[in-house]
């Protein structure tokens, strides 16, 4: 079995290292983050760092890259205090990936990448009309990480999803939505039907439901 040390990882060529380390967590959510600047210009960016941080209250987070260059998503969230998280339909994975391109100032990724901003319930950040599951969050805190990235923590204020995605027990049927997951930096994957297990108890081997 190959064994890579921290020294090995540091010694790799930059793109090789990016590809390797980004793939280590496995499959991650593919999420479009919608924001708006103070002048009203909308911004849309693909993220794979969405985290569940708590359920009572409902808290989610995203990790932004170091602000060594202008980061419009980060700047807009700090200015407005709000952002949206939008699941990516697999059929629109190419458009979602395109939002990672370095568009010039004054260009909205909604327009450039073929998405429609949806303004709902007077929330100051745009949702993605094409997304089957969208979440509106209000920024509560930002936590700097030692490598220059920042964890932005938001409380959930709004959720929009179709009836068929919400099961009677509150779990989500994400496979029915046709949304994508992502691995590494550029690989998008379909979601299949899950194998579900009941609540785990000591001495009882979990059985598939």
N, C-alpha and C. Protein backbone atom coordinates (compact mmCIF):
# COMPACT_ATOMS: atom_id res chain seq x y z
N UNK A 1 0.85 -1.19 0.00
CA UNK A 1 0.00 0.00 0.00
C UNK A 1 0.89 1.25 0.00
N UNK A 2 0.65 2.18 -0.95
CA UNK A 2 1.45 3.41 -0.95
C UNK A 2 1.25 4.19 0.35
N UNK A 3 2.31 4.82 0.80
CA UNK A 3 2.28 5.63 2.01
C UNK A 3 2.86 7.00 1.70
N UNK A 4 2.04 8.03 1.87
CA UNK A 4 2.47 9.40 1.61
C UNK A 4 2.56 10.14 2.93
N UNK A 5 3.66 10.82 3.16
CA UNK A 5 3.85 11.61 4.37
C UNK A 5 3.57 13.08 4.08
N UNK A 6 3.51 13.89 5.13
CA UNK A 6 3.33 15.33 4.96
C UNK A 6 4.45 15.92 4.12
N UNK A 7 5.66 15.40 4.28
CA UNK A 7 6.79 15.89 3.48
C UNK A 7 6.60 15.54 2.01
N UNK A 8 6.08 14.34 1.73
CA UNK A 8 5.80 13.95 0.35
C UNK A 8 4.78 14.90 -0.28
N UNK A 9 3.72 15.20 0.47
CA UNK A 9 2.66 16.06 -0.05
C UNK A 9 3.20 17.45 -0.36
N UNK A 10 4.00 17.99 0.54
CA UNK A 10 4.58 19.33 0.31
C UNK A 10 5.48 19.35 -0.92
N UNK A 11 6.11 18.22 -1.21
CA UNK A 11 7.08 18.16 -2.32
C UNK A 11 6.42 18.00 -3.69
N UNK A 12 5.14 17.63 -3.72
CA UNK A 12 4.48 17.43 -4.99
C UNK A 12 4.37 18.74 -5.77
N UNK A 13 4.32 18.62 -7.09
CA UNK A 13 4.02 19.78 -7.96
C UNK A 13 2.65 20.33 -7.57
N UNK A 14 2.43 21.65 -7.69
CA UNK A 14 1.27 22.33 -7.13
C UNK A 14 -0.05 21.74 -7.62
N UNK A 15 -0.21 21.55 -8.93
CA UNK A 15 -1.48 21.05 -9.46
C UNK A 15 -1.71 19.60 -9.02
N UNK A 16 -0.65 18.82 -9.01
CA UNK A 16 -0.77 17.43 -8.52
C UNK A 16 -1.24 17.44 -7.08
N UNK A 17 -0.66 18.31 -6.26
CA UNK A 17 -1.02 18.39 -4.84
C UNK A 17 -2.47 18.85 -4.68
N UNK A 18 -2.90 19.83 -5.46
CA UNK A 18 -4.28 20.29 -5.41
C UNK A 18 -5.24 19.16 -5.73
N UNK A 19 -4.95 18.42 -6.79
CA UNK A 19 -5.83 17.32 -7.19
C UNK A 19 -5.90 16.24 -6.11
N UNK A 20 -4.76 15.89 -5.56
CA UNK A 20 -4.70 14.84 -4.55
C UNK A 20 -5.47 15.22 -3.29
N UNK A 21 -5.13 16.37 -2.73
CA UNK A 21 -5.69 16.74 -1.43
C UNK A 21 -7.18 17.05 -1.55
N UNK A 22 -7.61 17.66 -2.64
CA UNK A 22 -9.03 17.95 -2.81
C UNK A 22 -9.86 16.68 -2.94
N UNK A 23 -9.23 15.58 -3.37
CA UNK A 23 -9.97 14.34 -3.51
C UNK A 23 -10.04 13.52 -2.23
N UNK A 24 -9.23 13.85 -1.23
CA UNK A 24 -9.16 13.03 -0.03
C UNK A 24 -10.48 12.91 0.74
N UNK A 25 -11.31 13.97 0.85
CA UNK A 25 -12.57 13.81 1.61
C UNK A 25 -13.59 12.93 0.92
N UNK A 26 -13.37 12.57 -0.33
CA UNK A 26 -14.36 11.77 -1.05
C UNK A 26 -15.44 12.64 -1.66
N UNK A 27 -16.66 12.09 -1.75
CA UNK A 27 -17.75 12.81 -2.38
C UNK A 27 -18.24 13.94 -1.46
N UNK A 28 -18.50 15.10 -2.06
CA UNK A 28 -18.91 16.28 -1.30
C UNK A 28 -20.12 16.91 -1.98
N UNK A 29 -20.86 17.76 -1.26
CA UNK A 29 -21.98 18.45 -1.91
C UNK A 29 -21.49 19.40 -3.00
N UNK A 30 -22.20 19.43 -4.09
CA UNK A 30 -21.97 20.45 -5.11
C UNK A 30 -23.01 21.55 -4.89
N UNK A 31 -22.54 22.72 -4.49
CA UNK A 31 -23.43 23.79 -4.04
C UNK A 31 -23.10 25.09 -4.75
N UNK A 32 -24.12 25.75 -5.26
CA UNK A 32 -23.96 27.08 -5.82
C UNK A 32 -24.30 28.10 -4.73
N UNK A 33 -23.36 28.99 -4.44
CA UNK A 33 -23.56 30.02 -3.43
C UNK A 33 -23.96 31.32 -4.13
N UNK A 34 -25.15 31.81 -3.80
CA UNK A 34 -25.65 33.04 -4.41
C UNK A 34 -25.52 34.22 -3.45
N UNK A 35 -25.01 35.32 -3.97
CA UNK A 35 -24.85 36.54 -3.17
C UNK A 35 -25.14 37.75 -4.06
N UNK A 36 -25.23 38.91 -3.41
CA UNK A 36 -25.41 40.16 -4.14
C UNK A 36 -24.54 41.23 -3.51
N UNK A 37 -23.93 42.06 -4.36
CA UNK A 37 -23.11 43.18 -3.90
C UNK A 37 -24.01 44.35 -3.49
N UNK A 38 -23.47 45.31 -2.76
CA UNK A 38 -24.27 46.48 -2.36
C UNK A 38 -24.89 47.22 -3.54
N UNK A 39 -24.24 47.17 -4.72
CA UNK A 39 -24.79 47.86 -5.88
C UNK A 39 -25.83 47.01 -6.62
N UNK A 40 -26.12 45.81 -6.11
CA UNK A 40 -27.13 44.96 -6.71
C UNK A 40 -26.60 43.90 -7.65
N UNK A 41 -25.32 43.96 -8.01
CA UNK A 41 -24.76 42.97 -8.92
C UNK A 41 -24.76 41.60 -8.26
N UNK A 42 -25.33 40.61 -8.93
CA UNK A 42 -25.40 39.27 -8.37
C UNK A 42 -24.12 38.49 -8.65
N UNK A 43 -23.87 37.51 -7.78
CA UNK A 43 -22.68 36.67 -7.92
C UNK A 43 -23.09 35.23 -7.64
N UNK A 44 -22.47 34.31 -8.35
CA UNK A 44 -22.77 32.89 -8.17
C UNK A 44 -21.46 32.12 -8.26
N UNK A 45 -21.23 31.21 -7.30
CA UNK A 45 -19.96 30.48 -7.27
C UNK A 45 -20.20 29.06 -6.81
N UNK A 46 -19.50 28.12 -7.45
CA UNK A 46 -19.59 26.72 -7.06
C UNK A 46 -18.70 26.47 -5.85
N UNK A 47 -19.27 25.80 -4.84
CA UNK A 47 -18.53 25.44 -3.62
C UNK A 47 -18.72 23.94 -3.38
N UNK A 48 -17.70 23.31 -2.80
CA UNK A 48 -17.83 21.91 -2.39
C UNK A 48 -17.48 21.76 -0.91
N UNK A 49 -17.60 22.86 -0.16
CA UNK A 49 -17.18 22.85 1.24
C UNK A 49 -18.33 23.08 2.21
N UNK A 50 -19.57 22.85 1.79
CA UNK A 50 -20.71 23.07 2.68
C UNK A 50 -20.69 22.05 3.82
N UNK A 51 -20.89 22.56 5.04
CA UNK A 51 -20.82 21.73 6.24
C UNK A 51 -22.08 21.87 7.07
N UNK A 52 -22.53 20.75 7.65
CA UNK A 52 -23.59 20.78 8.66
C UNK A 52 -22.92 21.01 10.01
N UNK A 53 -23.33 22.07 10.72
CA UNK A 53 -22.71 22.42 11.98
C UNK A 53 -23.64 22.31 13.18
N UNK A 54 -24.92 22.06 12.95
CA UNK A 54 -25.85 21.93 14.06
C UNK A 54 -27.28 22.00 13.57
N UNK A 55 -28.20 21.39 14.34
CA UNK A 55 -29.60 21.33 13.93
C UNK A 55 -30.54 22.15 14.80
N UNK A 56 -30.11 22.57 15.98
CA UNK A 56 -30.97 23.35 16.87
C UNK A 56 -30.15 24.40 17.60
N UNK A 57 -29.99 25.58 16.99
CA UNK A 57 -30.61 26.02 15.74
C UNK A 57 -29.95 25.40 14.51
N UNK A 58 -30.63 25.53 13.38
CA UNK A 58 -30.11 24.99 12.13
C UNK A 58 -28.95 25.87 11.65
N UNK A 59 -27.76 25.28 11.59
CA UNK A 59 -26.55 26.03 11.26
C UNK A 59 -25.76 25.26 10.20
N UNK A 60 -25.38 25.96 9.14
CA UNK A 60 -24.53 25.41 8.09
C UNK A 60 -23.34 26.34 7.89
N UNK A 61 -22.31 25.84 7.25
CA UNK A 61 -21.15 26.67 6.99
C UNK A 61 -20.54 26.37 5.64
N UNK A 62 -19.76 27.33 5.16
CA UNK A 62 -18.95 27.13 3.96
C UNK A 62 -17.55 27.65 4.26
N UNK A 63 -16.57 27.08 3.58
CA UNK A 63 -15.19 27.51 3.75
C UNK A 63 -14.77 28.27 2.49
N UNK A 64 -14.29 29.51 2.69
CA UNK A 64 -13.83 30.31 1.56
C UNK A 64 -12.31 30.24 1.46
N UNK A 65 -11.81 30.45 0.27
CA UNK A 65 -10.38 30.43 0.05
C UNK A 65 -9.75 31.72 0.60
N UNK A 66 -8.42 31.72 0.80
CA UNK A 66 -7.76 32.91 1.33
C UNK A 66 -8.04 34.15 0.47
N UNK A 67 -8.23 35.28 1.14
CA UNK A 67 -8.56 36.52 0.44
C UNK A 67 -7.30 37.22 -0.04
N UNK A 68 -6.43 36.47 -0.72
CA UNK A 68 -5.21 37.05 -1.28
C UNK A 68 -5.49 37.77 -2.60
N UNK A 69 -6.64 37.47 -3.19
CA UNK A 69 -7.16 38.18 -4.36
C UNK A 69 -8.62 38.50 -4.04
N UNK A 70 -9.27 39.39 -4.80
CA UNK A 70 -10.68 39.67 -4.51
C UNK A 70 -11.54 38.41 -4.56
N UNK A 71 -12.32 38.18 -3.52
CA UNK A 71 -13.25 37.05 -3.43
C UNK A 71 -14.64 37.65 -3.33
N UNK A 72 -15.34 37.70 -4.45
CA UNK A 72 -16.63 38.40 -4.49
C UNK A 72 -17.66 37.76 -3.58
N UNK A 73 -17.67 36.42 -3.51
CA UNK A 73 -18.62 35.76 -2.62
C UNK A 73 -18.40 36.20 -1.18
N UNK A 74 -17.17 36.13 -0.73
CA UNK A 74 -16.83 36.52 0.64
C UNK A 74 -17.17 37.99 0.90
N UNK A 75 -16.79 38.85 -0.04
CA UNK A 75 -17.05 40.29 0.14
C UNK A 75 -18.55 40.57 0.20
N UNK A 76 -19.31 39.91 -0.65
CA UNK A 76 -20.76 40.14 -0.67
C UNK A 76 -21.43 39.64 0.61
N UNK A 77 -20.97 38.48 1.10
CA UNK A 77 -21.57 37.95 2.34
C UNK A 77 -21.27 38.89 3.50
N UNK A 78 -20.08 39.39 3.57
CA UNK A 78 -19.74 40.32 4.66
C UNK A 78 -20.55 41.61 4.55
N UNK A 79 -20.80 42.06 3.33
CA UNK A 79 -21.52 43.32 3.14
C UNK A 79 -23.00 43.19 3.42
N UNK A 80 -23.61 42.10 2.94
CA UNK A 80 -25.07 41.96 3.07
C UNK A 80 -25.48 41.15 4.30
N UNK A 81 -24.56 40.29 4.77
CA UNK A 81 -24.87 39.42 5.89
C UNK A 81 -25.69 38.21 5.52
N UNK A 82 -25.90 37.97 4.21
CA UNK A 82 -26.76 36.86 3.78
C UNK A 82 -26.17 36.16 2.56
N UNK A 83 -26.53 34.88 2.41
CA UNK A 83 -26.15 34.13 1.22
C UNK A 83 -27.11 32.97 1.05
N UNK A 84 -27.12 32.39 -0.14
CA UNK A 84 -27.96 31.23 -0.40
C UNK A 84 -27.10 30.04 -0.81
N UNK A 85 -27.57 28.85 -0.47
CA UNK A 85 -26.96 27.60 -0.91
C UNK A 85 -27.97 26.88 -1.80
N UNK A 86 -27.52 26.47 -2.98
CA UNK A 86 -28.41 25.89 -3.98
C UNK A 86 -27.82 24.60 -4.53
N UNK A 87 -28.58 23.50 -4.39
CA UNK A 87 -28.11 22.23 -4.93
C UNK A 87 -28.01 22.32 -6.46
N UNK A 88 -27.06 21.58 -7.01
CA UNK A 88 -26.77 21.65 -8.45
C UNK A 88 -27.43 20.47 -9.16
N UNK A 89 -28.36 20.72 -10.09
CA UNK A 89 -28.89 19.62 -10.91
C UNK A 89 -27.76 19.03 -11.75
N UNK A 90 -27.69 17.71 -11.80
CA UNK A 90 -26.61 17.07 -12.57
C UNK A 90 -26.63 17.53 -14.02
N UNK A 91 -27.81 17.78 -14.57
CA UNK A 91 -27.92 18.22 -15.96
C UNK A 91 -27.30 19.59 -16.18
N UNK A 92 -27.07 20.33 -15.10
CA UNK A 92 -26.48 21.67 -15.23
C UNK A 92 -25.09 21.73 -14.58
N UNK A 93 -24.44 20.58 -14.46
CA UNK A 93 -23.12 20.56 -13.82
C UNK A 93 -22.10 21.39 -14.59
N UNK A 94 -22.15 21.36 -15.92
CA UNK A 94 -21.19 22.14 -16.71
C UNK A 94 -21.37 23.63 -16.45
N UNK A 95 -22.62 24.09 -16.40
CA UNK A 95 -22.88 25.50 -16.12
C UNK A 95 -22.41 25.86 -14.71
N UNK A 96 -22.66 24.96 -13.76
CA UNK A 96 -22.24 25.22 -12.38
C UNK A 96 -20.72 25.31 -12.29
N UNK A 97 -20.02 24.40 -12.97
CA UNK A 97 -18.56 24.42 -12.96
C UNK A 97 -18.03 25.70 -13.61
N UNK A 98 -18.73 26.19 -14.60
CA UNK A 98 -18.31 27.39 -15.32
C UNK A 98 -18.28 28.61 -14.39
N UNK A 99 -19.05 28.59 -13.31
CA UNK A 99 -19.03 29.74 -12.39
C UNK A 99 -17.68 29.91 -11.72
N UNK A 100 -16.82 28.89 -11.77
CA UNK A 100 -15.50 29.01 -11.16
C UNK A 100 -14.52 29.79 -12.04
N UNK A 101 -14.93 30.13 -13.27
CA UNK A 101 -14.07 30.92 -14.15
C UNK A 101 -13.88 32.33 -13.58
N UNK A 102 -12.76 32.93 -13.91
CA UNK A 102 -12.42 34.25 -13.38
C UNK A 102 -13.03 35.34 -14.27
N UNK A 103 -14.33 35.58 -14.09
CA UNK A 103 -15.01 36.60 -14.89
C UNK A 103 -14.59 38.00 -14.44
N UNK A 104 -14.57 38.95 -15.35
CA UNK A 104 -14.18 40.31 -14.97
C UNK A 104 -15.20 40.96 -14.05
N UNK A 105 -14.75 41.98 -13.33
CA UNK A 105 -15.65 42.74 -12.48
C UNK A 105 -16.81 43.28 -13.29
N UNK A 106 -17.99 43.29 -12.72
CA UNK A 106 -19.17 43.81 -13.40
C UNK A 106 -19.95 42.76 -14.16
N UNK A 107 -19.44 41.53 -14.20
CA UNK A 107 -20.14 40.44 -14.88
C UNK A 107 -20.74 39.51 -13.84
N UNK A 108 -22.03 39.23 -13.95
CA UNK A 108 -22.69 38.30 -13.05
C UNK A 108 -22.58 36.89 -13.59
N UNK A 109 -22.17 35.96 -12.73
CA UNK A 109 -22.11 34.56 -13.14
C UNK A 109 -23.50 34.00 -13.44
N UNK A 110 -24.53 34.56 -12.85
CA UNK A 110 -25.89 34.14 -13.21
C UNK A 110 -26.09 34.32 -14.72
N UNK A 111 -25.75 35.49 -15.21
CA UNK A 111 -25.93 35.78 -16.64
C UNK A 111 -24.94 35.00 -17.50
N UNK A 112 -23.67 35.00 -17.11
CA UNK A 112 -22.63 34.39 -17.94
C UNK A 112 -22.78 32.88 -18.03
N UNK A 113 -23.35 32.25 -16.99
CA UNK A 113 -23.39 30.80 -16.92
C UNK A 113 -24.79 30.22 -17.13
N UNK A 114 -25.76 31.07 -17.42
CA UNK A 114 -27.08 30.58 -17.79
C UNK A 114 -27.98 30.19 -16.65
N UNK A 115 -27.82 30.85 -15.49
CA UNK A 115 -28.72 30.63 -14.36
C UNK A 115 -29.61 31.85 -14.14
N UNK A 116 -30.73 31.62 -13.47
CA UNK A 116 -31.70 32.69 -13.25
C UNK A 116 -31.75 33.05 -11.77
N UNK A 117 -31.47 34.32 -11.41
CA UNK A 117 -31.60 34.70 -10.00
C UNK A 117 -33.06 34.77 -9.59
N UNK A 118 -33.37 34.21 -8.44
CA UNK A 118 -34.74 34.23 -7.92
C UNK A 118 -34.72 34.95 -6.57
N UNK A 119 -35.52 36.02 -6.48
CA UNK A 119 -35.61 36.80 -5.24
C UNK A 119 -36.88 36.38 -4.51
N UNK A 120 -36.73 35.89 -3.29
CA UNK A 120 -37.87 35.31 -2.57
C UNK A 120 -37.99 35.89 -1.17
N UNK A 121 -39.21 36.24 -0.82
CA UNK A 121 -39.55 36.63 0.56
C UNK A 121 -38.64 37.71 1.11
N UNK A 122 -38.31 38.69 0.25
CA UNK A 122 -37.53 39.87 0.65
C UNK A 122 -36.15 39.52 1.19
N UNK A 123 -35.63 38.35 0.83
CA UNK A 123 -34.28 37.98 1.27
C UNK A 123 -33.26 38.70 0.41
N UNK A 124 -32.18 39.25 0.99
CA UNK A 124 -31.26 40.10 0.23
C UNK A 124 -30.22 39.36 -0.61
N UNK A 125 -30.31 38.05 -0.71
CA UNK A 125 -29.40 37.28 -1.57
C UNK A 125 -30.22 36.46 -2.55
N UNK A 126 -29.74 36.30 -3.77
CA UNK A 126 -30.51 35.58 -4.80
C UNK A 126 -30.38 34.07 -4.68
N UNK A 127 -31.49 33.40 -4.91
CA UNK A 127 -31.50 31.95 -5.06
C UNK A 127 -31.30 31.61 -6.54
N UNK A 128 -31.07 30.34 -6.81
CA UNK A 128 -30.96 29.85 -8.19
C UNK A 128 -32.29 29.21 -8.57
N UNK A 129 -32.98 29.82 -9.53
CA UNK A 129 -34.31 29.34 -9.91
C UNK A 129 -34.27 27.89 -10.39
N UNK A 130 -33.17 27.47 -11.00
CA UNK A 130 -33.07 26.12 -11.56
C UNK A 130 -32.73 25.06 -10.51
N UNK A 131 -32.43 25.47 -9.30
CA UNK A 131 -32.06 24.52 -8.26
C UNK A 131 -33.30 23.91 -7.61
N UNK A 132 -33.31 22.58 -7.40
CA UNK A 132 -34.48 21.96 -6.78
C UNK A 132 -34.50 22.08 -5.26
N UNK A 133 -33.39 22.50 -4.65
CA UNK A 133 -33.34 22.68 -3.20
C UNK A 133 -32.45 23.88 -2.90
N UNK A 134 -33.05 24.90 -2.29
CA UNK A 134 -32.33 26.14 -2.01
C UNK A 134 -32.52 26.54 -0.55
N UNK A 135 -31.48 27.15 0.01
CA UNK A 135 -31.45 27.50 1.43
C UNK A 135 -30.98 28.94 1.56
N UNK A 136 -31.68 29.72 2.36
CA UNK A 136 -31.27 31.08 2.65
C UNK A 136 -30.67 31.16 4.04
N UNK A 137 -29.47 31.73 4.15
CA UNK A 137 -28.76 31.79 5.43
C UNK A 137 -28.34 33.20 5.77
N UNK A 138 -28.28 33.45 7.07
CA UNK A 138 -27.78 34.74 7.57
C UNK A 138 -26.46 34.49 8.29
N UNK A 139 -25.45 35.27 7.95
CA UNK A 139 -24.12 35.10 8.53
C UNK A 139 -24.15 35.39 10.03
N UNK A 140 -23.61 34.47 10.82
CA UNK A 140 -23.53 34.65 12.26
C UNK A 140 -22.11 34.88 12.75
N UNK A 141 -21.16 34.22 12.13
CA UNK A 141 -19.77 34.42 12.55
C UNK A 141 -18.84 33.92 11.46
N UNK A 142 -17.62 34.41 11.49
CA UNK A 142 -16.57 33.90 10.61
C UNK A 142 -15.39 33.48 11.46
N UNK A 143 -14.88 32.31 11.15
CA UNK A 143 -13.81 31.71 11.94
C UNK A 143 -12.59 31.53 11.06
N UNK A 144 -11.53 32.32 11.30
CA UNK A 144 -10.32 32.16 10.50
C UNK A 144 -9.62 30.84 10.79
N UNK A 145 -9.09 30.24 9.75
CA UNK A 145 -8.34 28.99 9.85
C UNK A 145 -6.88 29.29 9.57
N UNK A 146 -5.99 28.51 10.15
CA UNK A 146 -4.56 28.84 10.14
C UNK A 146 -3.97 28.96 8.73
N UNK A 147 -4.58 28.35 7.73
CA UNK A 147 -4.02 28.41 6.38
C UNK A 147 -4.55 29.57 5.56
N UNK A 148 -5.32 30.47 6.20
CA UNK A 148 -5.83 31.65 5.49
C UNK A 148 -7.25 31.51 5.01
N UNK A 149 -7.80 30.29 5.02
CA UNK A 149 -9.20 30.12 4.67
C UNK A 149 -10.08 30.58 5.84
N UNK A 150 -11.37 30.76 5.56
CA UNK A 150 -12.29 31.25 6.57
C UNK A 150 -13.55 30.40 6.55
N UNK A 151 -13.99 29.95 7.72
CA UNK A 151 -15.26 29.25 7.85
C UNK A 151 -16.34 30.28 8.13
N UNK A 152 -17.29 30.40 7.21
CA UNK A 152 -18.42 31.30 7.37
C UNK A 152 -19.60 30.49 7.89
N UNK A 153 -20.10 30.86 9.05
CA UNK A 153 -21.17 30.14 9.73
C UNK A 153 -22.47 30.91 9.56
N UNK A 154 -23.50 30.23 9.05
CA UNK A 154 -24.79 30.89 8.83
C UNK A 154 -25.93 30.12 9.44
N UNK A 155 -26.92 30.84 9.93
CA UNK A 155 -28.14 30.20 10.43
C UNK A 155 -29.15 30.10 9.30
N UNK A 156 -29.85 28.98 9.24
CA UNK A 156 -30.82 28.74 8.17
C UNK A 156 -32.10 29.52 8.46
N UNK A 157 -32.50 30.37 7.51
CA UNK A 157 -33.74 31.14 7.66
C UNK A 157 -34.83 30.69 6.70
N UNK A 158 -34.45 30.11 5.56
CA UNK A 158 -35.44 29.69 4.56
C UNK A 158 -34.97 28.41 3.89
N UNK A 159 -35.91 27.52 3.60
CA UNK A 159 -35.64 26.31 2.80
C UNK A 159 -36.74 26.19 1.76
N UNK A 160 -36.36 25.96 0.52
CA UNK A 160 -37.31 25.75 -0.57
C UNK A 160 -37.00 24.40 -1.23
N UNK A 161 -37.98 23.51 -1.29
CA UNK A 161 -37.77 22.20 -1.88
C UNK A 161 -39.12 21.62 -2.30
N UNK A 162 -39.13 20.68 -3.25
CA UNK A 162 -40.39 20.07 -3.69
C UNK A 162 -40.92 19.09 -2.66
N UNK A 163 -42.22 18.86 -2.70
CA UNK A 163 -42.87 17.97 -1.73
C UNK A 163 -42.24 16.58 -1.72
N UNK A 164 -41.94 16.04 -2.91
CA UNK A 164 -41.49 14.66 -2.97
C UNK A 164 -40.12 14.46 -2.35
N UNK A 165 -39.38 15.52 -2.12
CA UNK A 165 -38.04 15.38 -1.55
C UNK A 165 -38.05 15.24 -0.04
N UNK A 166 -39.17 15.59 0.60
CA UNK A 166 -39.25 15.58 2.06
C UNK A 166 -40.04 14.37 2.53
N UNK A 167 -39.35 13.43 3.17
CA UNK A 167 -40.00 12.22 3.67
C UNK A 167 -40.77 12.52 4.96
N UNK A 168 -41.71 11.65 5.34
CA UNK A 168 -42.51 11.88 6.55
C UNK A 168 -41.68 12.02 7.82
N UNK A 169 -40.47 11.41 7.86
CA UNK A 169 -39.65 11.48 9.07
C UNK A 169 -38.68 12.66 9.05
N UNK A 170 -38.79 13.52 8.03
CA UNK A 170 -37.92 14.68 7.95
C UNK A 170 -36.65 14.46 7.16
N UNK A 171 -36.33 13.23 6.79
CA UNK A 171 -35.16 12.99 5.96
C UNK A 171 -35.45 13.44 4.53
N UNK A 172 -34.38 13.64 3.78
CA UNK A 172 -34.50 14.15 2.41
C UNK A 172 -34.20 13.06 1.40
N UNK A 173 -35.03 12.96 0.39
CA UNK A 173 -34.79 12.05 -0.73
C UNK A 173 -34.03 12.82 -1.80
N UNK A 174 -32.73 12.95 -1.60
CA UNK A 174 -31.92 13.75 -2.52
C UNK A 174 -31.79 13.10 -3.89
N UNK A 175 -31.84 11.77 -3.94
CA UNK A 175 -31.72 11.10 -5.23
C UNK A 175 -32.87 11.49 -6.16
N UNK A 176 -34.05 11.73 -5.60
CA UNK A 176 -35.20 12.10 -6.43
C UNK A 176 -35.04 13.46 -7.07
N UNK A 177 -34.13 14.27 -6.53
CA UNK A 177 -33.94 15.63 -7.06
C UNK A 177 -33.00 15.66 -8.26
N UNK A 178 -32.23 14.60 -8.45
CA UNK A 178 -31.29 14.58 -9.58
C UNK A 178 -30.13 15.53 -9.41
N UNK A 179 -29.75 15.79 -8.16
CA UNK A 179 -28.65 16.73 -7.94
C UNK A 179 -27.31 16.00 -7.93
N UNK A 180 -26.24 16.77 -8.06
CA UNK A 180 -24.90 16.23 -8.22
C UNK A 180 -24.11 16.29 -6.93
N UNK A 181 -23.15 15.39 -6.82
CA UNK A 181 -22.08 15.52 -5.85
C UNK A 181 -20.80 15.80 -6.64
N UNK A 182 -19.74 16.17 -5.91
CA UNK A 182 -18.47 16.47 -6.58
C UNK A 182 -17.35 15.79 -5.83
N UNK A 183 -16.35 15.34 -6.56
CA UNK A 183 -15.12 14.82 -5.95
C UNK A 183 -13.95 15.57 -6.57
N UNK A 184 -12.95 15.81 -5.75
CA UNK A 184 -11.82 16.58 -6.23
C UNK A 184 -12.24 17.97 -6.65
N UNK A 185 -11.62 18.48 -7.69
CA UNK A 185 -11.89 19.84 -8.16
C UNK A 185 -12.86 19.90 -9.33
N UNK A 186 -13.06 18.78 -10.04
CA UNK A 186 -13.75 18.91 -11.32
C UNK A 186 -14.59 17.71 -11.72
N UNK A 187 -14.85 16.78 -10.80
CA UNK A 187 -15.59 15.57 -11.15
C UNK A 187 -16.96 15.59 -10.50
N UNK A 188 -18.01 15.55 -11.31
CA UNK A 188 -19.38 15.61 -10.83
C UNK A 188 -20.03 14.23 -11.00
N UNK A 189 -20.84 13.84 -10.01
CA UNK A 189 -21.36 12.48 -9.96
C UNK A 189 -22.87 12.48 -9.72
N UNK A 190 -23.54 11.48 -10.30
CA UNK A 190 -24.95 11.28 -10.03
C UNK A 190 -25.12 10.62 -8.67
N UNK A 191 -26.29 10.84 -8.07
CA UNK A 191 -26.61 10.25 -6.77
C UNK A 191 -27.61 9.12 -6.99
N UNK A 192 -27.30 7.93 -6.48
CA UNK A 192 -28.19 6.79 -6.61
C UNK A 192 -29.07 6.63 -5.39
N UNK A 193 -30.04 5.71 -5.44
CA UNK A 193 -30.89 5.44 -4.28
C UNK A 193 -30.04 5.01 -3.09
N UNK A 194 -30.38 5.45 -1.88
CA UNK A 194 -29.55 5.15 -0.72
C UNK A 194 -29.83 3.77 -0.14
N UNK A 195 -28.90 3.28 0.64
CA UNK A 195 -29.13 2.17 1.55
C UNK A 195 -29.32 2.80 2.92
N UNK A 196 -30.50 2.62 3.53
CA UNK A 196 -30.81 3.28 4.79
C UNK A 196 -30.84 2.27 5.94
N UNK A 197 -30.40 2.72 7.10
CA UNK A 197 -30.37 1.90 8.30
C UNK A 197 -31.11 2.60 9.42
N UNK A 198 -31.69 1.81 10.32
CA UNK A 198 -32.35 2.38 11.48
C UNK A 198 -31.35 2.88 12.51
N UNK A 199 -31.88 3.42 13.60
CA UNK A 199 -31.06 3.95 14.68
C UNK A 199 -30.16 2.84 15.23
N UNK A 200 -28.85 3.12 15.35
CA UNK A 200 -27.89 2.10 15.79
C UNK A 200 -27.91 1.98 17.31
N UNK A 201 -27.97 0.73 17.80
CA UNK A 201 -27.95 0.44 19.24
C UNK A 201 -26.89 -0.63 19.51
N UNK A 202 -26.19 -0.53 20.64
CA UNK A 202 -25.18 -1.55 20.98
C UNK A 202 -25.79 -2.94 21.00
N UNK A 203 -25.08 -3.90 20.43
CA UNK A 203 -25.53 -5.28 20.45
C UNK A 203 -26.54 -5.62 19.37
N UNK A 204 -26.93 -4.65 18.56
CA UNK A 204 -27.89 -4.90 17.48
C UNK A 204 -27.24 -4.52 16.14
N UNK A 205 -26.95 -5.50 15.33
CA UNK A 205 -26.34 -5.22 14.04
C UNK A 205 -27.34 -4.46 13.16
N UNK A 206 -26.97 -3.29 12.61
CA UNK A 206 -27.92 -2.54 11.79
C UNK A 206 -28.39 -3.36 10.59
N UNK A 207 -29.67 -3.24 10.30
CA UNK A 207 -30.27 -3.91 9.16
C UNK A 207 -30.78 -2.85 8.17
N UNK A 208 -30.55 -3.12 6.90
CA UNK A 208 -31.05 -2.19 5.88
C UNK A 208 -32.56 -2.16 5.89
N UNK A 209 -33.11 -0.95 5.79
CA UNK A 209 -34.57 -0.80 5.79
C UNK A 209 -35.13 -0.96 4.39
